[in-house]
Amino acid sequence: TLYQYVEEIAHAHPALYRAYINILSENTLTKFQSISSKSPFYYFDSNS
């Protein structure tokens, strides 16, 4: 659930949120993500 944790704390500071938006634009990360998770997927908004 680390990705979800980052998604949660991204709203703690505008500088963190800008960093989070930059992470979302990185398509290279998809190939490192596991096929599924032990935890459910949290949908917050369109950024999810």
ModelCIF file with pLDDT and N, C-alpha, C, O atoms, coordinates in Angstrom:
data_MODEL
#
_entry.id   MODEL 
#
_entity.id                         1 
_entity.type                       polymer 
_entity.pdbx_number_of_molecules   1 
#
_entity_poly.entity_id                      1 
_entity_poly.type                           'polypeptide(L)' 
_entity_poly.nstd_linkage                   no 
_entity_poly.nstd_monomer                   no 
_entity_poly.pdbx_seq_one_letter_code       TLYQYVEEIAHAHPALYRAYINILSENTLTKFQSISSKSPFYYFDSNS 
_entity_poly.pdbx_seq_one_letter_code_can   TLYQYVEEIAHAHPALYRAYINILSENTLTKFQSISSKSPFYYFDSNS 
_entity_poly.pdbx_strand_id                 A 
#
loop_
_entity_poly_seq.entity_id 
_entity_poly_seq.num 
_entity_poly_seq.mon_id 
_entity_poly_seq.hetero 
1 1  THR n 
1 2  LEU n 
1 3  TYR n 
1 4  GLN n 
1 5  TYR n 
1 6  VAL n 
1 7  GLU n 
1 8  GLU n 
1 9  ILE n 
1 10 ALA n 
1 11 HIS n 
1 12 ALA n 
1 13 HIS n 
1 14 PRO n 
1 15 ALA n 
1 16 LEU n 
1 17 TYR n 
1 18 ARG n 
1 19 ALA n 
1 20 TYR n 
1 21 ILE n 
1 22 ASN n 
1 23 ILE n 
1 24 LEU n 
1 25 SER n 
1 26 GLU n 
1 27 ASN n 
1 28 THR n 
1 29 LEU n 
1 30 THR n 
1 31 LYS n 
1 32 PHE n 
1 33 GLN n 
1 34 SER n 
1 35 ILE n 
1 36 SER n 
1 37 SER n 
1 38 LYS n 
1 39 SER n 
1 40 PRO n 
1 41 PHE n 
1 42 TYR n 
1 43 TYR n 
1 44 PHE n 
1 45 ASP n 
1 46 SER n 
1 47 ASN n 
1 48 SER n 
#
_struct_asym.id          A 
_struct_asym.entity_id   1 
#
loop_
_ma_qa_metric.id 
_ma_qa_metric.mode 
_ma_qa_metric.name 
_ma_qa_metric.software_group_id 
_ma_qa_metric.type 
1 global pLDDT . pLDDT 
2 local  pLDDT . pLDDT 
#
_ma_qa_metric_global.metric_id      1 
_ma_qa_metric_global.metric_value   91.48 
_ma_qa_metric_global.model_id       1 
_ma_qa_metric_global.ordinal_id     1 
#
loop_
_ma_qa_metric_local.label_asym_id 
_ma_qa_metric_local.label_comp_id 
_ma_qa_metric_local.label_seq_id 
_ma_qa_metric_local.metric_id 
_ma_qa_metric_local.metric_value 
_ma_qa_metric_local.model_id 
_ma_qa_metric_local.ordinal_id 
A THR 1  2 94.00 1 1  
A LEU 2  2 95.00 1 2  
A TYR 3  2 94.00 1 3  
A GLN 4  2 92.00 1 4  
A TYR 5  2 95.00 1 5  
A VAL 6  2 95.00 1 6  
A GLU 7  2 93.00 1 7  
A GLU 8  2 92.00 1 8  
A ILE 9  2 93.00 1 9  
A ALA 10 2 94.00 1 10 
A HIS 11 2 91.00 1 11 
A ALA 12 2 89.00 1 12 
A HIS 13 2 92.00 1 13 
A PRO 14 2 94.00 1 14 
A ALA 15 2 94.00 1 15 
A LEU 16 2 95.00 1 16 
A TYR 17 2 95.00 1 17 
A ARG 18 2 96.00 1 18 
A ALA 19 2 96.00 1 19 
A TYR 20 2 95.00 1 20 
A ILE 21 2 95.00 1 21 
A ASN 22 2 94.00 1 22 
A ILE 23 2 94.00 1 23 
A LEU 24 2 92.00 1 24 
A SER 25 2 89.00 1 25 
A GLU 26 2 86.00 1 26 
A ASN 27 2 84.00 1 27 
A THR 28 2 84.00 1 28 
A LEU 29 2 86.00 1 29 
A THR 30 2 90.00 1 30 
A LYS 31 2 91.00 1 31 
A PHE 32 2 94.00 1 32 
A GLN 33 2 93.00 1 33 
A SER 34 2 95.00 1 34 
A ILE 35 2 96.00 1 35 
A SER 36 2 94.00 1 36 
A SER 37 2 92.00 1 37 
A LYS 38 2 88.00 1 38 
A SER 39 2 89.00 1 39 
A PRO 40 2 91.00 1 40 
A PHE 41 2 91.00 1 41 
A TYR 42 2 89.00 1 42 
A TYR 43 2 88.00 1 43 
A PHE 44 2 85.00 1 44 
A ASP 45 2 84.00 1 45 
A SER 46 2 85.00 1 46 
A ASN 47 2 89.00 1 47 
A SER 48 2 89.00 1 48 
#
loop_
_atom_site.group_PDB 
_atom_site.id 
_atom_site.type_symbol 
_atom_site.label_atom_id 
_atom_site.label_alt_id 
_atom_site.label_comp_id 
_atom_site.label_asym_id 
_atom_site.label_entity_id 
_atom_site.label_seq_id 
_atom_site.pdbx_PDB_ins_code 
_atom_site.Cartn_x 
_atom_site.Cartn_y 
_atom_site.Cartn_z 
_atom_site.occupancy 
_atom_site.B_iso_or_equiv 
_atom_site.pdbx_formal_charge 
_atom_site.auth_seq_id 
_atom_site.auth_comp_id 
_atom_site.auth_asym_id 
_atom_site.auth_atom_id 
_atom_site.pdbx_PDB_model_num 
ATOM 1   N N  . THR A 1 1  ? 0.816   -1.217 0.000   1.00 94.00 ? 1  THR A N  1 
ATOM 2   C CA . THR A 1 1  ? 0.000   0.000  0.000   1.00 94.00 ? 1  THR A CA 1 
ATOM 3   C C  . THR A 1 1  ? 0.852   1.271  0.000   1.00 94.00 ? 1  THR A C  1 
ATOM 4   O O  . THR A 1 1  ? 0.348   2.346  0.325   1.00 94.00 ? 1  THR A O  1 
ATOM 5   N N  . LEU A 1 2  ? 2.130   1.163  -0.358  1.00 95.00 ? 2  LEU A N  1 
ATOM 6   C CA . LEU A 1 2  ? 2.976   2.352  -0.340  1.00 95.00 ? 2  LEU A CA 1 
ATOM 7   C C  . LEU A 1 2  ? 2.517   3.369  -1.372  1.00 95.00 ? 2  LEU A C  1 
ATOM 8   O O  . LEU A 1 2  ? 2.528   4.570  -1.103  1.00 95.00 ? 2  LEU A O  1 
ATOM 9   N N  . TYR A 1 3  ? 2.111   2.903  -2.559  1.00 94.00 ? 3  TYR A N  1 
ATOM 10  C CA . TYR A 1 3  ? 1.629   3.849  -3.581  1.00 94.00 ? 3  TYR A CA 1 
ATOM 11  C C  . TYR A 1 3  ? 0.440   4.637  -3.043  1.00 94.00 ? 3  TYR A C  1 
ATOM 12  O O  . TYR A 1 3  ? 0.365   5.853  -3.223  1.00 94.00 ? 3  TYR A O  1 
ATOM 13  N N  . GLN A 1 4  ? -0.485  3.950  -2.386  1.00 92.00 ? 4  GLN A N  1 
ATOM 14  C CA . GLN A 1 4  ? -1.653  4.628  -1.831  1.00 92.00 ? 4  GLN A CA 1 
ATOM 15  C C  . GLN A 1 4  ? -1.254  5.599  -0.726  1.00 92.00 ? 4  GLN A C  1 
ATOM 16  O O  . GLN A 1 4  ? -1.862  6.659  -0.570  1.00 92.00 ? 4  GLN A O  1 
ATOM 17  N N  . TYR A 1 5  ? -0.227  5.229  0.041   1.00 95.00 ? 5  TYR A N  1 
ATOM 18  C CA . TYR A 1 5  ? 0.261   6.110  1.105   1.00 95.00 ? 5  TYR A CA 1 
ATOM 19  C C  . TYR A 1 5  ? 0.819   7.396  0.500   1.00 95.00 ? 5  TYR A C  1 
ATOM 20  O O  . TYR A 1 5  ? 0.554   8.491  0.996   1.00 95.00 ? 5  TYR A O  1 
ATOM 21  N N  . VAL A 1 6  ? 1.588   7.252  -0.567  1.00 95.00 ? 6  VAL A N  1 
ATOM 22  C CA . VAL A 1 6  ? 2.116   8.435  -1.257  1.00 95.00 ? 6  VAL A CA 1 
ATOM 23  C C  . VAL A 1 6  ? 0.972   9.283  -1.795  1.00 95.00 ? 6  VAL A C  1 
ATOM 24  O O  . VAL A 1 6  ? 1.005   10.511 -1.715  1.00 95.00 ? 6  VAL A O  1 
ATOM 25  N N  . GLU A 1 7  ? -0.035  8.621  -2.340  1.00 93.00 ? 7  GLU A N  1 
ATOM 26  C CA . GLU A 1 7  ? -1.198  9.339  -2.862  1.00 93.00 ? 7  GLU A CA 1 
ATOM 27  C C  . GLU A 1 7  ? -1.889  10.123 -1.752  1.00 93.00 ? 7  GLU A C  1 
ATOM 28  O O  . GLU A 1 7  ? -2.367  11.234 -1.982  1.00 93.00 ? 7  GLU A O  1 
ATOM 29  N N  . GLU A 1 8  ? -1.944  9.557  -0.560  1.00 92.00 ? 8  GLU A N  1 
ATOM 30  C CA . GLU A 1 8  ? -2.569  10.241 0.582   1.00 92.00 ? 8  GLU A CA 1 
ATOM 31  C C  . GLU A 1 8  ? -1.752  11.456 1.025   1.00 92.00 ? 8  GLU A C  1 
ATOM 32  O O  . GLU A 1 8  ? -2.293  12.553 1.168   1.00 92.00 ? 8  GLU A O  1 
ATOM 33  N N  . ILE A 1 9  ? -0.438  11.256 1.241   1.00 93.00 ? 9  ILE A N  1 
ATOM 34  C CA . ILE A 1 9  ? 0.372   12.339 1.809   1.00 93.00 ? 9  ILE A CA 1 
ATOM 35  C C  . ILE A 1 9  ? 0.757   13.383 0.768   1.00 93.00 ? 9  ILE A C  1 
ATOM 36  O O  . ILE A 1 9  ? 1.293   14.434 1.119   1.00 93.00 ? 9  ILE A O  1 
ATOM 37  N N  . ALA A 1 10 ? 0.492   13.110 -0.505  1.00 94.00 ? 10 ALA A N  1 
ATOM 38  C CA . ALA A 1 10 ? 0.800   14.104 -1.543  1.00 94.00 ? 10 ALA A CA 1 
ATOM 39  C C  . ALA A 1 10 ? 0.059   15.412 -1.309  1.00 94.00 ? 10 ALA A C  1 
ATOM 40  O O  . ALA A 1 10 ? 0.487   16.468 -1.775  1.00 94.00 ? 10 ALA A O  1 
ATOM 41  N N  . HIS A 1 11 ? -1.063  15.337 -0.581  1.00 91.00 ? 11 HIS A N  1 
ATOM 42  C CA . HIS A 1 11 ? -1.859  16.539 -0.339  1.00 91.00 ? 11 HIS A CA 1 
ATOM 43  C C  . HIS A 1 11 ? -1.437  17.289 0.921   1.00 91.00 ? 11 HIS A C  1 
ATOM 44  O O  . HIS A 1 11 ? -2.096  18.247 1.323   1.00 91.00 ? 11 HIS A O  1 
ATOM 45  N N  . ALA A 1 12 ? -0.328  16.852 1.553   1.00 89.00 ? 12 ALA A N  1 
ATOM 46  C CA . ALA A 1 12 ? 0.121   17.506 2.783   1.00 89.00 ? 12 ALA A CA 1 
ATOM 47  C C  . ALA A 1 12 ? 0.870   18.804 2.501   1.00 89.00 ? 12 ALA A C  1 
ATOM 48  O O  . ALA A 1 12 ? 0.988   19.658 3.379   1.00 89.00 ? 12 ALA A O  1 
ATOM 49  N N  . HIS A 1 13 ? 1.379   18.954 1.273   1.00 92.00 ? 13 HIS A N  1 
ATOM 50  C CA . HIS A 1 13 ? 2.160   20.154 0.937   1.00 92.00 ? 13 HIS A CA 1 
ATOM 51  C C  . HIS A 1 13 ? 2.129   20.331 -0.582  1.00 92.00 ? 13 HIS A C  1 
ATOM 52  O O  . HIS A 1 13 ? 2.230   19.346 -1.314  1.00 92.00 ? 13 HIS A O  1 
ATOM 53  N N  . PRO A 1 14 ? 1.990   21.563 -1.066  1.00 94.00 ? 14 PRO A N  1 
ATOM 54  C CA . PRO A 1 14 ? 1.956   21.787 -2.523  1.00 94.00 ? 14 PRO A CA 1 
ATOM 55  C C  . PRO A 1 14 ? 3.187   21.243 -3.244  1.00 94.00 ? 14 PRO A C  1 
ATOM 56  O O  . PRO A 1 14 ? 3.080   20.773 -4.377  1.00 94.00 ? 14 PRO A O  1 
ATOM 57  N N  . ALA A 1 15 ? 4.357   21.300 -2.601  1.00 94.00 ? 15 ALA A N  1 
ATOM 58  C CA . ALA A 1 15 ? 5.566   20.786 -3.241  1.00 94.00 ? 15 ALA A CA 1 
ATOM 59  C C  . ALA A 1 15 ? 5.491   19.275 -3.416  1.00 94.00 ? 15 ALA A C  1 
ATOM 60  O O  . ALA A 1 15 ? 5.966   18.741 -4.418  1.00 94.00 ? 15 ALA A O  1 
ATOM 61  N N  . LEU A 1 16 ? 4.897   18.583 -2.446  1.00 95.00 ? 16 LEU A N  1 
ATOM 62  C CA . LEU A 1 16 ? 4.709   17.148 -2.564  1.00 95.00 ? 16 LEU A CA 1 
ATOM 63  C C  . LEU A 1 16 ? 3.705   16.820 -3.660  1.00 95.00 ? 16 LEU A C  1 
ATOM 64  O O  . LEU A 1 16 ? 3.869   15.841 -4.389  1.00 95.00 ? 16 LEU A O  1 
ATOM 65  N N  . TYR A 1 17 ? 2.672   17.637 -3.774  1.00 95.00 ? 17 TYR A N  1 
ATOM 66  C CA . TYR A 1 17 ? 1.655   17.388 -4.798  1.00 95.00 ? 17 TYR A CA 1 
ATOM 67  C C  . TYR A 1 17 ? 2.240   17.543 -6.198  1.00 95.00 ? 17 TYR A C  1 
ATOM 68  O O  . TYR A 1 17 ? 1.926   16.765 -7.099  1.00 95.00 ? 17 TYR A O  1 
ATOM 69  N N  . ARG A 1 18 ? 3.092   18.552 -6.374  1.00 96.00 ? 18 ARG A N  1 
ATOM 70  C CA . ARG A 1 18 ? 3.739   18.730 -7.690  1.00 96.00 ? 18 ARG A CA 1 
ATOM 71  C C  . ARG A 1 18 ? 4.625   17.516 -8.004  1.00 96.00 ? 18 ARG A C  1 
ATOM 72  O O  . ARG A 1 18 ? 4.686   17.057 -9.144  1.00 96.00 ? 18 ARG A O  1 
ATOM 73  N N  . ALA A 1 19 ? 5.305   17.012 -6.978  1.00 96.00 ? 19 ALA A N  1 
ATOM 74  C CA . ALA A 1 19 ? 6.129   15.819 -7.181  1.00 96.00 ? 19 ALA A CA 1 
ATOM 75  C C  . ALA A 1 19 ? 5.273   14.624 -7.561  1.00 96.00 ? 19 ALA A C  1 
ATOM 76  O O  . ALA A 1 19 ? 5.642   13.838 -8.434  1.00 96.00 ? 19 ALA A O  1 
ATOM 77  N N  . TYR A 1 20 ? 4.131   14.489 -6.905  1.00 95.00 ? 20 TYR A N  1 
ATOM 78  C CA . TYR A 1 20 ? 3.209   13.385 -7.184  1.00 95.00 ? 20 TYR A CA 1 
ATOM 79  C C  . TYR A 1 20 ? 2.718   13.437 -8.632  1.00 95.00 ? 20 TYR A C  1 
ATOM 80  O O  . TYR A 1 20 ? 2.656   12.409 -9.306  1.00 95.00 ? 20 TYR A O  1 
ATOM 81  N N  . ILE A 1 21 ? 2.370   14.635 -9.110  1.00 95.00 ? 21 ILE A N  1 
ATOM 82  C CA . ILE A 1 21 ? 1.914   14.786 -10.497 1.00 95.00 ? 21 ILE A CA 1 
ATOM 83  C C  . ILE A 1 21 ? 3.026   14.388 -11.464 1.00 95.00 ? 21 ILE A C  1 
ATOM 84  O O  . ILE A 1 21 ? 2.754   13.777 -12.498 1.00 95.00 ? 21 ILE A O  1 
ATOM 85  N N  . ASN A 1 22 ? 4.269   14.724 -11.142 1.00 94.00 ? 22 ASN A N  1 
ATOM 86  C CA . ASN A 1 22 ? 5.392   14.314 -11.997 1.00 94.00 ? 22 ASN A CA 1 
ATOM 87  C C  . ASN A 1 22 ? 5.564   12.804 -12.021 1.00 94.00 ? 22 ASN A C  1 
ATOM 88  O O  . ASN A 1 22 ? 5.896   12.228 -13.058 1.00 94.00 ? 22 ASN A O  1 
ATOM 89  N N  . ILE A 1 23 ? 5.336   12.158 -10.874 1.00 94.00 ? 23 ILE A N  1 
ATOM 90  C CA . ILE A 1 23 ? 5.433   10.698 -10.827 1.00 94.00 ? 23 ILE A CA 1 
ATOM 91  C C  . ILE A 1 23 ? 4.378   10.070 -11.734 1.00 94.00 ? 23 ILE A C  1 
ATOM 92  O O  . ILE A 1 23 ? 4.655   9.089  -12.423 1.00 94.00 ? 23 ILE A O  1 
ATOM 93  N N  . LEU A 1 24 ? 3.173   10.631 -11.735 1.00 92.00 ? 24 LEU A N  1 
ATOM 94  C CA . LEU A 1 24 ? 2.090   10.088 -12.557 1.00 92.00 ? 24 LEU A CA 1 
ATOM 95  C C  . LEU A 1 24 ? 2.439   10.111 -14.039 1.00 92.00 ? 24 LEU A C  1 
ATOM 96  O O  . LEU A 1 24 ? 1.963   9.275  -14.807 1.00 92.00 ? 24 LEU A O  1 
ATOM 97  N N  . SER A 1 25 ? 3.261   11.059 -14.434 1.00 89.00 ? 25 SER A N  1 
ATOM 98  C CA . SER A 1 25 ? 3.600   11.183 -15.863 1.00 89.00 ? 25 SER A CA 1 
ATOM 99  C C  . SER A 1 25 ? 4.668   10.185 -16.299 1.00 89.00 ? 25 SER A C  1 
ATOM 100 O O  . SER A 1 25 ? 4.964   10.075 -17.489 1.00 89.00 ? 25 SER A O  1 
ATOM 101 N N  . GLU A 1 26 ? 5.245   9.462  -15.351 1.00 86.00 ? 26 GLU A N  1 
ATOM 102 C CA . GLU A 1 26 ? 6.328   8.534  -15.670 1.00 86.00 ? 26 GLU A CA 1 
ATOM 103 C C  . GLU A 1 26 ? 5.774   7.160  -16.064 1.00 86.00 ? 26 GLU A C  1 
ATOM 104 O O  . GLU A 1 26 ? 5.452   6.349  -15.196 1.00 86.00 ? 26 GLU A O  1 
ATOM 105 N N  . ASN A 1 27 ? 5.664   6.906  -17.345 1.00 84.00 ? 27 ASN A N  1 
ATOM 106 C CA . ASN A 1 27 ? 5.137   5.617  -17.821 1.00 84.00 ? 27 ASN A CA 1 
ATOM 107 C C  . ASN A 1 27 ? 6.090   4.456  -17.569 1.00 84.00 ? 27 ASN A C  1 
ATOM 108 O O  . ASN A 1 27 ? 5.673   3.298  -17.571 1.00 84.00 ? 27 ASN A O  1 
ATOM 109 N N  . THR A 1 28 ? 7.372   4.760  -17.352 1.00 84.00 ? 28 THR A N  1 
ATOM 110 C CA . THR A 1 28 ? 8.343   3.682  -17.150 1.00 84.00 ? 28 THR A CA 1 
ATOM 111 C C  . THR A 1 28 ? 8.069   2.890  -15.879 1.00 84.00 ? 28 THR A C  1 
ATOM 112 O O  . THR A 1 28 ? 8.492   1.739  -15.773 1.00 84.00 ? 28 THR A O  1 
ATOM 113 N N  . LEU A 1 29 ? 7.370   3.481  -14.911 1.00 86.00 ? 29 LEU A N  1 
ATOM 114 C CA . LEU A 1 29 ? 7.133   2.796  -13.644 1.00 86.00 ? 29 LEU A CA 1 
ATOM 115 C C  . LEU A 1 29 ? 6.185   1.617  -13.789 1.00 86.00 ? 29 LEU A C  1 
ATOM 116 O O  . LEU A 1 29 ? 6.203   0.703  -12.965 1.00 86.00 ? 29 LEU A O  1 
ATOM 117 N N  . THR A 1 30 ? 5.356   1.628  -14.831 1.00 90.00 ? 30 THR A N  1 
ATOM 118 C CA . THR A 1 30 ? 4.356   0.571  -14.994 1.00 90.00 ? 30 THR A CA 1 
ATOM 119 C C  . THR A 1 30 ? 5.001   -0.807 -15.083 1.00 90.00 ? 30 THR A C  1 
ATOM 120 O O  . THR A 1 30 ? 4.451   -1.778 -14.562 1.00 90.00 ? 30 THR A O  1 
ATOM 121 N N  . LYS A 1 31 ? 6.151   -0.909 -15.732 1.00 91.00 ? 31 LYS A N  1 
ATOM 122 C CA . LYS A 1 31 ? 6.755   -2.228 -15.925 1.00 91.00 ? 31 LYS A CA 1 
ATOM 123 C C  . LYS A 1 31 ? 7.332   -2.811 -14.639 1.00 91.00 ? 31 LYS A C  1 
ATOM 124 O O  . LYS A 1 31 ? 7.656   -3.998 -14.589 1.00 91.00 ? 31 LYS A O  1 
ATOM 125 N N  . PHE A 1 32 ? 7.464   -1.986 -13.598 1.00 94.00 ? 32 PHE A N  1 
ATOM 126 C CA . PHE A 1 32 ? 7.974   -2.498 -12.329 1.00 94.00 ? 32 PHE A CA 1 
ATOM 127 C C  . PHE A 1 32 ? 6.852   -2.873 -11.359 1.00 94.00 ? 32 PHE A C  1 
ATOM 128 O O  . PHE A 1 32 ? 7.101   -3.511 -10.336 1.00 94.00 ? 32 PHE A O  1 
ATOM 129 N N  . GLN A 1 33 ? 5.622   -2.480 -11.679 1.00 93.00 ? 33 GLN A N  1 
ATOM 130 C CA . GLN A 1 33 ? 4.511   -2.748 -10.775 1.00 93.00 ? 33 GLN A CA 1 
ATOM 131 C C  . GLN A 1 33 ? 4.112   -4.216 -10.847 1.00 93.00 ? 33 GLN A C  1 
ATOM 132 O O  . GLN A 1 33 ? 4.063   -4.804 -11.928 1.00 93.00 ? 33 GLN A O  1 
ATOM 133 N N  . SER A 1 34 ? 3.829   -4.802 -9.691  1.00 95.00 ? 34 SER A N  1 
ATOM 134 C CA . SER A 1 34 ? 3.398   -6.198 -9.636  1.00 95.00 ? 34 SER A CA 1 
ATOM 135 C C  . SER A 1 34 ? 2.044   -6.349 -10.318 1.00 95.00 ? 34 SER A C  1 
ATOM 136 O O  . SER A 1 34 ? 1.360   -5.360 -10.583 1.00 95.00 ? 34 SER A O  1 
ATOM 137 N N  . ILE A 1 35 ? 1.661   -7.592 -10.600 1.00 96.00 ? 35 ILE A N  1 
ATOM 138 C CA . ILE A 1 35 ? 0.424   -7.812 -11.346 1.00 96.00 ? 35 ILE A CA 1 
ATOM 139 C C  . ILE A 1 35 ? -0.802  -7.484 -10.516 1.00 96.00 ? 35 ILE A C  1 
ATOM 140 O O  . ILE A 1 35 ? -1.833  -7.095 -11.065 1.00 96.00 ? 35 ILE A O  1 
ATOM 141 N N  . SER A 1 36 ? -0.708  -7.636 -9.180  1.00 94.00 ? 36 SER A N  1 
ATOM 142 C CA . SER A 1 36 ? -1.835  -7.294 -8.311  1.00 94.00 ? 36 SER A CA 1 
ATOM 143 C C  . SER A 1 36 ? -1.305  -6.980 -6.929  1.00 94.00 ? 36 SER A C  1 
ATOM 144 O O  . SER A 1 36 ? -0.093  -6.899 -6.730  1.00 94.00 ? 36 SER A O  1 
ATOM 145 N N  . SER A 1 37 ? -2.197  -6.803 -5.976  1.00 92.00 ? 37 SER A N  1 
ATOM 146 C CA . SER A 1 37 ? -1.808  -6.407 -4.626  1.00 92.00 ? 37 SER A CA 1 
ATOM 147 C C  . SER A 1 37 ? -2.632  -7.152 -3.592  1.00 92.00 ? 37 SER A C  1 
ATOM 148 O O  . SER A 1 37 ? -3.747  -7.596 -3.864  1.00 92.00 ? 37 SER A O  1 
ATOM 149 N N  . LYS A 1 38 ? -2.058  -7.282 -2.393  1.00 88.00 ? 38 LYS A N  1 
ATOM 150 C CA . LYS A 1 38 ? -2.814  -7.861 -1.284  1.00 88.00 ? 38 LYS A CA 1 
ATOM 151 C C  . LYS A 1 38 ? -3.875  -6.898 -0.794  1.00 88.00 ? 38 LYS A C  1 
ATOM 152 O O  . LYS A 1 38 ? -4.836  -7.314 -0.147  1.00 88.00 ? 38 LYS A O  1 
ATOM 153 N N  . SER A 1 39 ? -3.718  -5.624 -1.089  1.00 89.00 ? 39 SER A N  1 
ATOM 154 C CA . SER A 1 39 ? -4.642  -4.585 -0.622  1.00 89.00 ? 39 SER A CA 1 
ATOM 155 C C  . SER A 1 39 ? -5.545  -4.141 -1.763  1.00 89.00 ? 39 SER A C  1 
ATOM 156 O O  . SER A 1 39 ? -5.144  -4.224 -2.924  1.00 89.00 ? 39 SER A O  1 
ATOM 157 N N  . PRO A 1 40 ? -6.755  -3.673 -1.467  1.00 91.00 ? 40 PRO A N  1 
ATOM 158 C CA . PRO A 1 40 ? -7.611  -3.161 -2.542  1.00 91.00 ? 40 PRO A CA 1 
ATOM 159 C C  . PRO A 1 40 ? -7.049  -1.890 -3.166  1.00 91.00 ? 40 PRO A C  1 
ATOM 160 O O  . PRO A 1 40 ? -6.200  -1.214 -2.584  1.00 91.00 ? 40 PRO A O  1 
ATOM 161 N N  . PHE A 1 41 ? -7.536  -1.585 -4.346  1.00 91.00 ? 41 PHE A N  1 
ATOM 162 C CA . PHE A 1 41 ? -7.165  -0.356 -5.042  1.00 91.00 ? 41 PHE A CA 1 
ATOM 163 C C  . PHE A 1 41 ? -8.076  0.763  -4.563  1.00 91.00 ? 41 PHE A C  1 
ATOM 164 O O  . PHE A 1 41 ? -9.298  0.618  -4.561  1.00 91.00 ? 41 PHE A O  1 
ATOM 165 N N  . TYR A 1 42 ? -7.476  1.887  -4.153  1.00 89.00 ? 42 TYR A N  1 
ATOM 166 C CA . TYR A 1 42 ? -8.258  3.043  -3.695  1.00 89.00 ? 42 TYR A CA 1 
ATOM 167 C C  . TYR A 1 42 ? -8.407  4.040  -4.845  1.00 89.00 ? 42 TYR A C  1 
ATOM 168 O O  . TYR A 1 42 ? -7.428  4.516  -5.419  1.00 89.00 ? 42 TYR A O  1 
ATOM 169 N N  . TYR A 1 43 ? -9.662  4.333  -5.153  1.00 88.00 ? 43 TYR A N  1 
ATOM 170 C CA . TYR A 1 43 ? -9.930  5.341  -6.187  1.00 88.00 ? 43 TYR A CA 1 
ATOM 171 C C  . TYR A 1 43 ? -10.347 6.630  -5.494  1.00 88.00 ? 43 TYR A C  1 
ATOM 172 O O  . TYR A 1 43 ? -11.392 6.680  -4.845  1.00 88.00 ? 43 TYR A O  1 
ATOM 173 N N  . PHE A 1 44 ? -9.525  7.685  -5.633  1.00 85.00 ? 44 PHE A N  1 
ATOM 174 C CA . PHE A 1 44 ? -9.819  8.981  -5.027  1.00 85.00 ? 44 PHE A CA 1 
ATOM 175 C C  . PHE A 1 44 ? -10.418 9.958  -6.046  1.00 85.00 ? 44 PHE A C  1 
ATOM 176 O O  . PHE A 1 44 ? -11.478 10.543 -5.824  1.00 85.00 ? 44 PHE A O  1 
ATOM 177 N N  . ASP A 1 45 ? -9.715  10.114 -7.156  1.00 84.00 ? 45 ASP A N  1 
ATOM 178 C CA . ASP A 1 45 ? -10.156 11.046 -8.193  1.00 84.00 ? 45 ASP A CA 1 
ATOM 179 C C  . ASP A 1 45 ? -9.488  10.636 -9.500  1.00 84.00 ? 45 ASP A C  1 
ATOM 180 O O  . ASP A 1 45 ? -8.911  9.553  -9.593  1.00 84.00 ? 45 ASP A O  1 
ATOM 181 N N  . SER A 1 46 ? -9.566  11.491 -10.499 1.00 85.00 ? 46 SER A N  1 
ATOM 182 C CA . SER A 1 46 ? -9.048  11.124 -11.816 1.00 85.00 ? 46 SER A CA 1 
ATOM 183 C C  . SER A 1 46 ? -7.551  10.850 -11.799 1.00 85.00 ? 46 SER A C  1 
ATOM 184 O O  . SER A 1 46 ? -7.059  10.115 -12.655 1.00 85.00 ? 46 SER A O  1 
ATOM 185 N N  . ASN A 1 47 ? -6.812  11.417 -10.848 1.00 89.00 ? 47 ASN A N  1 
ATOM 186 C CA . ASN A 1 47 ? -5.378  11.121 -10.757 1.00 89.00 ? 47 ASN A CA 1 
ATOM 187 C C  . ASN A 1 47 ? -5.119  9.661  -10.424 1.00 89.00 ? 47 ASN A C  1 
ATOM 188 O O  . ASN A 1 47 ? -4.070  9.121  -10.774 1.00 89.00 ? 47 ASN A O  1 
ATOM 189 N N  . SER A 1 48 ? -6.067  9.018  -9.748  1.00 89.00 ? 48 SER A N  1 
ATOM 190 C CA . SER A 1 48 ? -5.896  7.601  -9.421  1.00 89.00 ? 48 SER A CA 1 
ATOM 191 C C  . SER A 1 48 ? -5.820  6.743  -10.670 1.00 89.00 ? 48 SER A C  1 
ATOM 192 O O  . SER A 1 48 ? -5.677  5.524  -10.574 1.00 89.00 ? 48 SER A O  1 
#
